[in-house]
């Protein structure tokens, strides 16, 4: 029962740090809120008895990737986030986003309220040792791993191109 209380509190903290990320006007503070969210995710892994995943979460995401994000933010001098003006012809985006968000929340509420109570299947024991995770990653998930690496590279190049000052 204590685990459920801890997981609930961690969920509330995770949502609060995500809101801090979204509402922050300073890019460095937003990145630090994201680091806090990654750390909370690692604590959730610890509560769920997956210490290796917690260490990977901290070292890879909160460590390496966030250092890269903060380096790029400081390199580009984009610490202060200024409100962007909508280009002409794109004024429909905010109302469309609001409508789609309300639809997504309505769908989630419908699914949660109308689901049938059923006996939960017994969870199988999963080997979360570093050897087992590495073997799974490099045997079954090499292609998705490489695709994610390419997407991160494209995102970083895109961020540099979008914030480059034209002369």
N, C-alpha and C. Protein backbone atom coordinates (compact mmCIF):
# COMPACT_ATOMS: atom_id res chain seq x y z
N UNK A 1 0.82 -1.20 0.00
CA UNK A 1 0.00 0.00 0.00
C UNK A 1 0.87 1.26 0.00
N UNK A 2 1.99 1.19 0.68
CA UNK A 2 2.89 2.34 0.74
C UNK A 2 3.45 2.67 -0.64
N UNK A 3 3.71 1.62 -1.46
CA UNK A 3 4.22 1.86 -2.81
C UNK A 3 3.24 2.66 -3.65
N UNK A 4 1.95 2.41 -3.48
CA UNK A 4 0.95 3.14 -4.25
C UNK A 4 0.93 4.61 -3.85
N UNK A 5 1.10 4.88 -2.56
CA UNK A 5 1.13 6.27 -2.10
C UNK A 5 2.36 6.98 -2.65
N UNK A 6 3.50 6.30 -2.59
CA UNK A 6 4.74 6.89 -3.10
C UNK A 6 4.63 7.12 -4.61
N UNK A 7 4.08 6.13 -5.34
CA UNK A 7 3.92 6.29 -6.78
C UNK A 7 2.95 7.43 -7.11
N UNK A 8 1.89 7.59 -6.32
CA UNK A 8 0.96 8.70 -6.53
C UNK A 8 1.63 10.05 -6.31
N UNK A 9 2.41 10.15 -5.24
CA UNK A 9 3.14 11.41 -4.98
C UNK A 9 4.16 11.69 -6.08
N UNK A 10 4.86 10.64 -6.53
CA UNK A 10 5.83 10.83 -7.61
C UNK A 10 5.12 11.24 -8.91
N UNK A 11 3.93 10.70 -9.15
CA UNK A 11 3.16 11.10 -10.32
C UNK A 11 2.77 12.57 -10.27
N UNK A 12 2.34 13.02 -9.09
CA UNK A 12 1.98 14.43 -8.93
C UNK A 12 3.22 15.31 -9.13
N UNK A 13 4.35 14.91 -8.56
CA UNK A 13 5.59 15.68 -8.76
C UNK A 13 6.01 15.69 -10.22
N UNK A 14 5.83 14.58 -10.91
CA UNK A 14 6.19 14.51 -12.32
C UNK A 14 5.34 15.45 -13.16
N UNK A 15 4.04 15.47 -12.89
CA UNK A 15 3.15 16.39 -13.61
C UNK A 15 3.50 17.84 -13.28
N UNK A 16 3.83 18.12 -12.01
CA UNK A 16 4.19 19.49 -11.62
C UNK A 16 5.47 19.93 -12.33
N UNK A 17 6.46 19.04 -12.41
CA UNK A 17 7.70 19.43 -13.10
C UNK A 17 7.47 19.58 -14.59
N UNK A 18 6.57 18.78 -15.17
CA UNK A 18 6.23 18.95 -16.59
C UNK A 18 5.53 20.29 -16.83
N UNK A 19 4.65 20.69 -15.91
CA UNK A 19 4.01 22.00 -16.04
C UNK A 19 5.04 23.12 -15.88
N UNK A 20 5.99 22.94 -14.96
CA UNK A 20 7.05 23.93 -14.82
C UNK A 20 7.87 24.04 -16.10
N UNK A 21 8.10 22.91 -16.76
CA UNK A 21 8.81 22.91 -18.04
C UNK A 21 8.04 23.70 -19.09
N UNK A 22 6.75 23.46 -19.17
CA UNK A 22 5.94 24.11 -20.20
C UNK A 22 5.73 25.60 -19.94
N UNK A 23 5.63 25.99 -18.68
CA UNK A 23 5.31 27.37 -18.36
C UNK A 23 6.53 28.26 -18.13
N UNK A 24 7.72 27.69 -18.17
CA UNK A 24 8.93 28.45 -17.91
C UNK A 24 9.24 29.37 -19.10
N UNK A 25 9.66 30.59 -18.80
CA UNK A 25 10.03 31.55 -19.84
C UNK A 25 11.54 31.54 -20.12
N UNK A 26 12.28 30.80 -19.33
CA UNK A 26 13.72 30.71 -19.52
C UNK A 26 14.06 29.29 -19.97
N UNK A 27 14.78 29.16 -21.08
CA UNK A 27 15.08 27.85 -21.65
C UNK A 27 15.94 27.01 -20.71
N UNK A 28 16.84 27.63 -19.97
CA UNK A 28 17.68 26.88 -19.03
C UNK A 28 16.82 26.30 -17.91
N UNK A 29 15.90 27.12 -17.38
CA UNK A 29 15.01 26.62 -16.33
C UNK A 29 14.12 25.49 -16.86
N UNK A 30 13.67 25.63 -18.11
CA UNK A 30 12.85 24.58 -18.71
C UNK A 30 13.65 23.28 -18.81
N UNK A 31 14.91 23.38 -19.20
CA UNK A 31 15.75 22.18 -19.29
C UNK A 31 15.98 21.58 -17.90
N UNK A 32 16.12 22.42 -16.89
CA UNK A 32 16.31 21.90 -15.54
C UNK A 32 15.03 21.24 -15.01
N UNK A 33 13.86 21.77 -15.38
CA UNK A 33 12.62 21.09 -15.02
C UNK A 33 12.54 19.72 -15.70
N UNK A 34 13.05 19.63 -16.92
CA UNK A 34 13.07 18.35 -17.61
C UNK A 34 14.02 17.37 -16.91
N UNK A 35 15.15 17.87 -16.43
CA UNK A 35 16.06 17.02 -15.65
C UNK A 35 15.35 16.51 -14.40
N UNK A 36 14.62 17.39 -13.72
CA UNK A 36 13.86 16.97 -12.54
C UNK A 36 12.85 15.89 -12.90
N UNK A 37 12.20 16.03 -14.04
CA UNK A 37 11.24 15.03 -14.48
C UNK A 37 11.93 13.70 -14.74
N UNK A 38 13.11 13.72 -15.33
CA UNK A 38 13.87 12.48 -15.56
C UNK A 38 14.28 11.84 -14.24
N UNK A 39 14.67 12.65 -13.26
CA UNK A 39 15.05 12.10 -11.95
C UNK A 39 13.85 11.46 -11.27
N UNK A 40 12.69 12.10 -11.38
CA UNK A 40 11.48 11.52 -10.79
C UNK A 40 11.16 10.20 -11.48
N UNK A 41 11.35 10.14 -12.79
CA UNK A 41 11.16 8.88 -13.50
C UNK A 41 12.10 7.79 -13.00
N UNK A 42 13.33 8.17 -12.70
CA UNK A 42 14.29 7.20 -12.16
C UNK A 42 13.86 6.71 -10.78
N UNK A 43 13.33 7.61 -9.97
CA UNK A 43 12.84 7.19 -8.64
C UNK A 43 11.65 6.24 -8.79
N UNK A 44 10.81 6.48 -9.79
CA UNK A 44 9.70 5.56 -10.05
C UNK A 44 10.25 4.19 -10.40
N UNK A 45 11.30 4.14 -11.22
CA UNK A 45 11.92 2.84 -11.54
C UNK A 45 12.44 2.17 -10.27
N UNK A 46 13.01 2.95 -9.36
CA UNK A 46 13.51 2.36 -8.11
C UNK A 46 12.37 1.78 -7.28
N UNK A 47 11.25 2.50 -7.21
CA UNK A 47 10.10 2.00 -6.46
C UNK A 47 9.58 0.70 -7.09
N UNK A 48 9.67 0.60 -8.42
CA UNK A 48 9.20 -0.59 -9.11
C UNK A 48 10.26 -1.70 -9.16
N UNK A 49 11.34 -1.53 -8.39
CA UNK A 49 12.40 -2.53 -8.26
C UNK A 49 13.14 -2.79 -9.57
N UNK A 50 13.50 -1.70 -10.25
CA UNK A 50 14.31 -1.80 -11.46
C UNK A 50 15.50 -0.84 -11.34
N UNK A 51 16.48 -1.18 -10.50
CA UNK A 51 17.57 -0.24 -10.25
C UNK A 51 18.44 0.02 -11.47
N UNK A 52 18.62 -0.97 -12.34
CA UNK A 52 19.44 -0.75 -13.53
C UNK A 52 18.80 0.29 -14.44
N UNK A 53 17.49 0.21 -14.64
CA UNK A 53 16.80 1.20 -15.46
C UNK A 53 16.86 2.58 -14.83
N UNK A 54 16.84 2.64 -13.51
CA UNK A 54 16.96 3.94 -12.83
C UNK A 54 18.33 4.56 -13.09
N UNK A 55 19.37 3.76 -13.01
CA UNK A 55 20.72 4.27 -13.25
C UNK A 55 20.88 4.69 -14.71
N UNK A 56 20.31 3.93 -15.63
CA UNK A 56 20.37 4.29 -17.05
C UNK A 56 19.60 5.58 -17.28
N UNK A 57 18.46 5.72 -16.65
CA UNK A 57 17.65 6.94 -16.78
C UNK A 57 18.45 8.16 -16.33
N UNK A 58 19.12 8.04 -15.21
CA UNK A 58 19.91 9.18 -14.70
C UNK A 58 21.12 9.44 -15.59
N UNK A 59 21.88 8.41 -15.91
CA UNK A 59 23.13 8.63 -16.63
C UNK A 59 22.91 9.04 -18.08
N UNK A 60 21.96 8.41 -18.76
CA UNK A 60 21.76 8.71 -20.17
C UNK A 60 20.92 9.97 -20.35
N UNK A 61 19.74 10.00 -19.76
CA UNK A 61 18.84 11.12 -20.02
C UNK A 61 19.21 12.34 -19.19
N UNK A 62 19.21 12.21 -17.88
CA UNK A 62 19.48 13.37 -17.04
C UNK A 62 20.93 13.80 -17.15
N UNK A 63 21.80 12.89 -17.50
CA UNK A 63 23.21 13.24 -17.63
C UNK A 63 23.57 13.69 -19.03
N UNK A 64 23.73 12.74 -19.92
CA UNK A 64 24.30 13.03 -21.24
C UNK A 64 23.40 13.88 -22.12
N UNK A 65 22.16 13.51 -22.27
CA UNK A 65 21.29 14.23 -23.21
C UNK A 65 20.99 15.63 -22.70
N UNK A 66 20.76 15.79 -21.42
CA UNK A 66 20.45 17.13 -20.91
C UNK A 66 21.67 18.03 -20.93
N UNK A 67 22.86 17.47 -20.74
CA UNK A 67 24.07 18.28 -20.89
C UNK A 67 24.16 18.79 -22.32
N UNK A 68 23.84 17.93 -23.28
CA UNK A 68 23.84 18.34 -24.68
C UNK A 68 22.80 19.43 -24.93
N UNK A 69 21.58 19.27 -24.40
CA UNK A 69 20.55 20.29 -24.58
C UNK A 69 20.99 21.63 -24.01
N UNK A 70 21.51 21.61 -22.79
CA UNK A 70 21.92 22.86 -22.15
C UNK A 70 23.09 23.48 -22.91
N UNK A 71 24.01 22.65 -23.41
CA UNK A 71 25.13 23.15 -24.20
C UNK A 71 24.61 23.84 -25.46
N UNK A 72 23.66 23.23 -26.16
CA UNK A 72 23.13 23.83 -27.39
C UNK A 72 22.37 25.11 -27.07
N UNK A 73 21.61 25.13 -25.98
CA UNK A 73 20.88 26.35 -25.61
C UNK A 73 21.85 27.48 -25.33
N UNK A 74 22.90 27.20 -24.60
CA UNK A 74 23.87 28.26 -24.27
C UNK A 74 24.71 28.63 -25.49
N UNK A 75 25.01 27.67 -26.35
CA UNK A 75 25.79 27.95 -27.55
C UNK A 75 25.03 28.89 -28.48
N UNK A 76 23.73 28.68 -28.58
CA UNK A 76 22.93 29.50 -29.48
C UNK A 76 22.46 30.81 -28.84
N UNK A 77 22.66 30.95 -27.53
CA UNK A 77 22.24 32.17 -26.85
C UNK A 77 20.74 32.33 -26.80
N UNK A 78 20.04 31.22 -26.64
CA UNK A 78 18.57 31.25 -26.66
C UNK A 78 18.00 31.01 -25.27
N UNK A 79 18.62 31.63 -24.25
CA UNK A 79 18.16 31.39 -22.88
C UNK A 79 16.77 31.95 -22.64
N UNK A 80 16.49 33.13 -23.15
CA UNK A 80 15.18 33.76 -22.93
C UNK A 80 14.24 33.36 -24.06
N UNK A 81 13.10 32.81 -23.68
CA UNK A 81 12.11 32.42 -24.67
C UNK A 81 11.16 33.58 -24.89
N UNK A 82 11.05 34.03 -26.11
CA UNK A 82 10.14 35.13 -26.42
C UNK A 82 8.91 34.56 -27.10
N UNK A 83 7.76 35.15 -26.83
CA UNK A 83 6.56 34.65 -27.49
C UNK A 83 6.66 34.85 -29.00
N UNK A 84 6.38 33.81 -29.73
CA UNK A 84 6.46 33.88 -31.18
C UNK A 84 5.14 34.39 -31.75
N UNK A 85 5.24 35.17 -32.80
CA UNK A 85 4.05 35.63 -33.48
C UNK A 85 3.66 34.59 -34.51
N UNK A 86 2.35 34.37 -34.65
CA UNK A 86 1.89 33.44 -35.67
C UNK A 86 2.11 34.04 -37.04
N UNK A 87 2.73 33.29 -37.94
CA UNK A 87 2.84 33.79 -39.32
C UNK A 87 1.44 33.90 -39.94
N UNK A 88 1.29 34.73 -40.93
CA UNK A 88 -0.03 34.87 -41.55
C UNK A 88 -0.50 33.53 -42.11
N UNK A 89 -1.76 33.23 -41.91
CA UNK A 89 -2.33 31.99 -42.43
C UNK A 89 -2.26 30.83 -41.45
N UNK A 90 -1.66 31.02 -40.28
CA UNK A 90 -1.55 29.93 -39.32
C UNK A 90 -2.31 30.22 -38.03
N UNK A 91 -3.30 31.07 -38.08
CA UNK A 91 -4.07 31.43 -36.88
C UNK A 91 -5.00 30.32 -36.42
N UNK A 92 -5.16 29.29 -37.21
CA UNK A 92 -6.04 28.19 -36.86
C UNK A 92 -5.39 27.19 -35.89
N UNK A 93 -4.10 27.29 -35.65
CA UNK A 93 -3.39 26.26 -34.89
C UNK A 93 -3.82 26.19 -33.43
N UNK A 94 -3.97 27.31 -32.76
CA UNK A 94 -4.36 27.28 -31.35
C UNK A 94 -5.75 26.70 -31.14
N UNK A 95 -6.76 27.15 -31.88
CA UNK A 95 -8.08 26.53 -31.69
C UNK A 95 -8.08 25.05 -32.05
N UNK A 96 -7.35 24.67 -33.09
CA UNK A 96 -7.28 23.26 -33.47
C UNK A 96 -6.60 22.44 -32.37
N UNK A 97 -5.54 22.97 -31.77
CA UNK A 97 -4.86 22.27 -30.69
C UNK A 97 -5.77 22.13 -29.48
N UNK A 98 -6.53 23.16 -29.19
CA UNK A 98 -7.48 23.10 -28.06
C UNK A 98 -8.55 22.04 -28.32
N UNK A 99 -9.10 22.02 -29.52
CA UNK A 99 -10.14 21.03 -29.86
C UNK A 99 -9.58 19.62 -29.78
N UNK A 100 -8.39 19.40 -30.34
CA UNK A 100 -7.79 18.07 -30.30
C UNK A 100 -7.44 17.64 -28.88
N UNK A 101 -7.00 18.58 -28.05
CA UNK A 101 -6.71 18.27 -26.65
C UNK A 101 -7.96 17.86 -25.89
N UNK A 102 -9.06 18.60 -26.11
CA UNK A 102 -10.32 18.25 -25.45
C UNK A 102 -10.81 16.89 -25.93
N UNK A 103 -10.68 16.62 -27.22
CA UNK A 103 -11.07 15.30 -27.74
C UNK A 103 -10.23 14.18 -27.14
N UNK A 104 -8.93 14.41 -26.99
CA UNK A 104 -8.06 13.39 -26.40
C UNK A 104 -8.43 13.14 -24.94
N UNK A 105 -8.69 14.21 -24.18
CA UNK A 105 -9.11 14.04 -22.79
C UNK A 105 -10.46 13.34 -22.69
N UNK A 106 -11.38 13.68 -23.59
CA UNK A 106 -12.68 13.01 -23.60
C UNK A 106 -12.55 11.53 -23.92
N UNK A 107 -11.69 11.18 -24.87
CA UNK A 107 -11.47 9.78 -25.21
C UNK A 107 -10.85 9.03 -24.04
N UNK A 108 -9.88 9.65 -23.37
CA UNK A 108 -9.26 9.01 -22.21
C UNK A 108 -10.28 8.80 -21.10
N UNK A 109 -11.12 9.79 -20.85
CA UNK A 109 -12.15 9.65 -19.82
C UNK A 109 -13.14 8.55 -20.19
N UNK A 110 -13.53 8.48 -21.46
CA UNK A 110 -14.45 7.44 -21.92
C UNK A 110 -13.86 6.05 -21.71
N UNK A 111 -12.59 5.89 -22.08
CA UNK A 111 -11.95 4.58 -21.92
C UNK A 111 -11.84 4.20 -20.45
N UNK A 112 -11.49 5.16 -19.61
CA UNK A 112 -11.36 4.85 -18.18
C UNK A 112 -12.70 4.55 -17.52
N UNK A 113 -13.75 5.22 -17.94
CA UNK A 113 -15.05 5.04 -17.30
C UNK A 113 -15.83 3.84 -17.82
N UNK A 114 -15.56 3.39 -19.03
CA UNK A 114 -16.35 2.30 -19.60
C UNK A 114 -15.59 0.98 -19.67
N UNK A 115 -14.41 0.91 -19.15
CA UNK A 115 -13.66 -0.35 -19.23
C UNK A 115 -14.31 -1.39 -18.32
N UNK A 116 -14.21 -2.62 -18.73
CA UNK A 116 -14.79 -3.72 -17.98
C UNK A 116 -13.78 -4.21 -16.94
N UNK A 117 -14.28 -4.49 -15.77
CA UNK A 117 -13.40 -5.04 -14.73
C UNK A 117 -13.09 -6.49 -15.10
N UNK A 118 -11.83 -6.81 -15.17
CA UNK A 118 -11.43 -8.16 -15.50
C UNK A 118 -10.28 -8.56 -14.58
N UNK A 119 -10.09 -9.84 -14.51
CA UNK A 119 -8.99 -10.34 -13.70
C UNK A 119 -7.68 -9.96 -14.37
N UNK A 120 -6.82 -9.32 -13.63
CA UNK A 120 -5.54 -8.90 -14.19
C UNK A 120 -4.66 -10.12 -14.40
N UNK A 121 -3.98 -10.19 -15.54
CA UNK A 121 -3.08 -11.32 -15.74
C UNK A 121 -1.90 -11.25 -14.78
N UNK A 122 -1.38 -12.39 -14.45
CA UNK A 122 -0.25 -12.46 -13.55
C UNK A 122 0.99 -11.96 -14.29
N UNK A 123 1.68 -11.02 -13.68
CA UNK A 123 2.87 -10.47 -14.31
C UNK A 123 3.99 -11.50 -14.31
N UNK A 124 4.66 -11.58 -15.44
CA UNK A 124 5.78 -12.51 -15.55
C UNK A 124 7.03 -11.84 -15.00
N UNK A 125 7.90 -12.64 -14.50
CA UNK A 125 9.17 -12.12 -14.00
C UNK A 125 10.05 -11.72 -15.18
N UNK A 126 10.60 -10.52 -15.10
CA UNK A 126 11.43 -10.00 -16.18
C UNK A 126 12.84 -9.83 -15.66
N UNK A 127 13.79 -10.29 -16.44
CA UNK A 127 15.20 -10.13 -16.08
C UNK A 127 15.64 -8.73 -16.50
N UNK A 128 15.92 -7.86 -15.52
CA UNK A 128 16.31 -6.48 -15.81
C UNK A 128 17.79 -6.25 -15.54
N UNK A 129 18.58 -7.30 -15.62
CA UNK A 129 20.02 -7.15 -15.40
C UNK A 129 20.63 -6.45 -16.62
N UNK A 130 21.78 -5.82 -16.44
CA UNK A 130 22.42 -5.13 -17.57
C UNK A 130 22.69 -6.06 -18.75
N UNK A 131 23.07 -7.29 -18.49
CA UNK A 131 23.34 -8.23 -19.58
C UNK A 131 22.07 -8.53 -20.37
N UNK A 132 20.97 -8.78 -19.67
CA UNK A 132 19.71 -9.10 -20.36
C UNK A 132 19.19 -7.91 -21.14
N UNK A 133 19.29 -6.71 -20.57
CA UNK A 133 18.83 -5.52 -21.27
C UNK A 133 19.69 -5.27 -22.51
N UNK A 134 21.00 -5.42 -22.39
CA UNK A 134 21.89 -5.24 -23.53
C UNK A 134 21.62 -6.24 -24.64
N UNK A 135 21.42 -7.50 -24.27
CA UNK A 135 21.12 -8.52 -25.27
C UNK A 135 19.80 -8.23 -25.97
N UNK A 136 18.78 -7.83 -25.22
CA UNK A 136 17.50 -7.47 -25.84
C UNK A 136 17.67 -6.29 -26.79
N UNK A 137 18.42 -5.28 -26.34
CA UNK A 137 18.58 -4.07 -27.13
C UNK A 137 19.30 -4.36 -28.44
N UNK A 138 20.37 -5.12 -28.39
CA UNK A 138 21.18 -5.32 -29.59
C UNK A 138 20.76 -6.53 -30.41
N UNK A 139 19.86 -7.36 -29.92
CA UNK A 139 19.33 -8.46 -30.73
C UNK A 139 18.02 -8.07 -31.38
N UNK A 140 17.10 -7.52 -30.59
CA UNK A 140 15.74 -7.29 -31.09
C UNK A 140 15.43 -5.84 -31.43
N UNK A 141 16.19 -4.89 -30.91
CA UNK A 141 15.81 -3.49 -31.06
C UNK A 141 16.93 -2.63 -31.64
N UNK A 142 17.76 -3.19 -32.49
CA UNK A 142 18.86 -2.41 -33.06
C UNK A 142 18.32 -1.34 -34.01
N UNK A 143 17.40 -1.71 -34.88
CA UNK A 143 16.87 -0.75 -35.84
C UNK A 143 16.14 0.41 -35.16
N UNK A 144 15.22 0.17 -34.20
CA UNK A 144 14.59 1.33 -33.53
C UNK A 144 15.61 2.19 -32.77
N UNK A 145 16.63 1.56 -32.21
CA UNK A 145 17.67 2.29 -31.50
C UNK A 145 18.39 3.25 -32.45
N UNK A 146 18.72 2.78 -33.63
CA UNK A 146 19.41 3.62 -34.62
C UNK A 146 18.48 4.70 -35.16
N UNK A 147 17.20 4.40 -35.32
CA UNK A 147 16.25 5.41 -35.80
C UNK A 147 16.13 6.54 -34.79
N UNK A 148 16.07 6.20 -33.51
CA UNK A 148 16.00 7.24 -32.47
C UNK A 148 17.27 8.09 -32.48
N UNK A 149 18.42 7.47 -32.69
CA UNK A 149 19.66 8.23 -32.77
C UNK A 149 19.63 9.21 -33.94
N UNK A 150 19.12 8.79 -35.08
CA UNK A 150 19.02 9.68 -36.24
C UNK A 150 18.01 10.81 -35.99
N UNK A 151 16.90 10.49 -35.32
CA UNK A 151 15.93 11.53 -35.00
C UNK A 151 16.50 12.58 -34.06
N UNK A 152 17.27 12.14 -33.06
CA UNK A 152 17.90 13.10 -32.15
C UNK A 152 18.91 13.98 -32.89
N UNK A 153 19.67 13.38 -33.80
CA UNK A 153 20.62 14.16 -34.59
C UNK A 153 19.90 15.17 -35.47
N UNK A 154 18.81 14.75 -36.12
CA UNK A 154 18.05 15.66 -36.97
C UNK A 154 17.43 16.80 -36.14
N UNK A 155 16.96 16.49 -34.94
CA UNK A 155 16.39 17.52 -34.08
C UNK A 155 17.44 18.55 -33.67
N UNK A 156 18.64 18.08 -33.36
CA UNK A 156 19.69 19.00 -32.96
C UNK A 156 20.11 19.88 -34.14
N UNK A 157 20.27 19.30 -35.32
CA UNK A 157 20.62 20.10 -36.50
C UNK A 157 19.50 21.09 -36.82
N UNK A 158 18.26 20.64 -36.70
CA UNK A 158 17.13 21.54 -36.93
C UNK A 158 17.11 22.70 -35.96
N UNK A 159 17.42 22.44 -34.70
CA UNK A 159 17.46 23.52 -33.70
C UNK A 159 18.55 24.53 -34.03
N UNK A 160 19.69 24.05 -34.49
CA UNK A 160 20.77 24.96 -34.86
C UNK A 160 20.37 25.79 -36.07
N UNK A 161 19.76 25.16 -37.06
CA UNK A 161 19.36 25.89 -38.28
C UNK A 161 18.27 26.91 -37.97
N UNK A 162 17.30 26.54 -37.15
CA UNK A 162 16.20 27.46 -36.86
C UNK A 162 16.63 28.66 -36.03
N UNK A 163 17.63 28.52 -35.20
CA UNK A 163 18.03 29.65 -34.36
C UNK A 163 19.23 30.40 -34.91
N UNK A 164 19.73 29.98 -36.05
CA UNK A 164 20.89 30.67 -36.65
C UNK A 164 20.45 32.04 -37.15
N UNK A 165 21.26 33.03 -36.87
CA UNK A 165 20.94 34.39 -37.31
C UNK A 165 21.39 34.55 -38.76
N UNK A 166 20.50 35.11 -39.57
CA UNK A 166 20.86 35.34 -40.96
C UNK A 166 21.59 36.65 -41.09
N UNK A 167 22.57 36.68 -41.92
CA UNK A 167 23.38 37.90 -42.08
C UNK A 167 23.21 38.48 -43.45
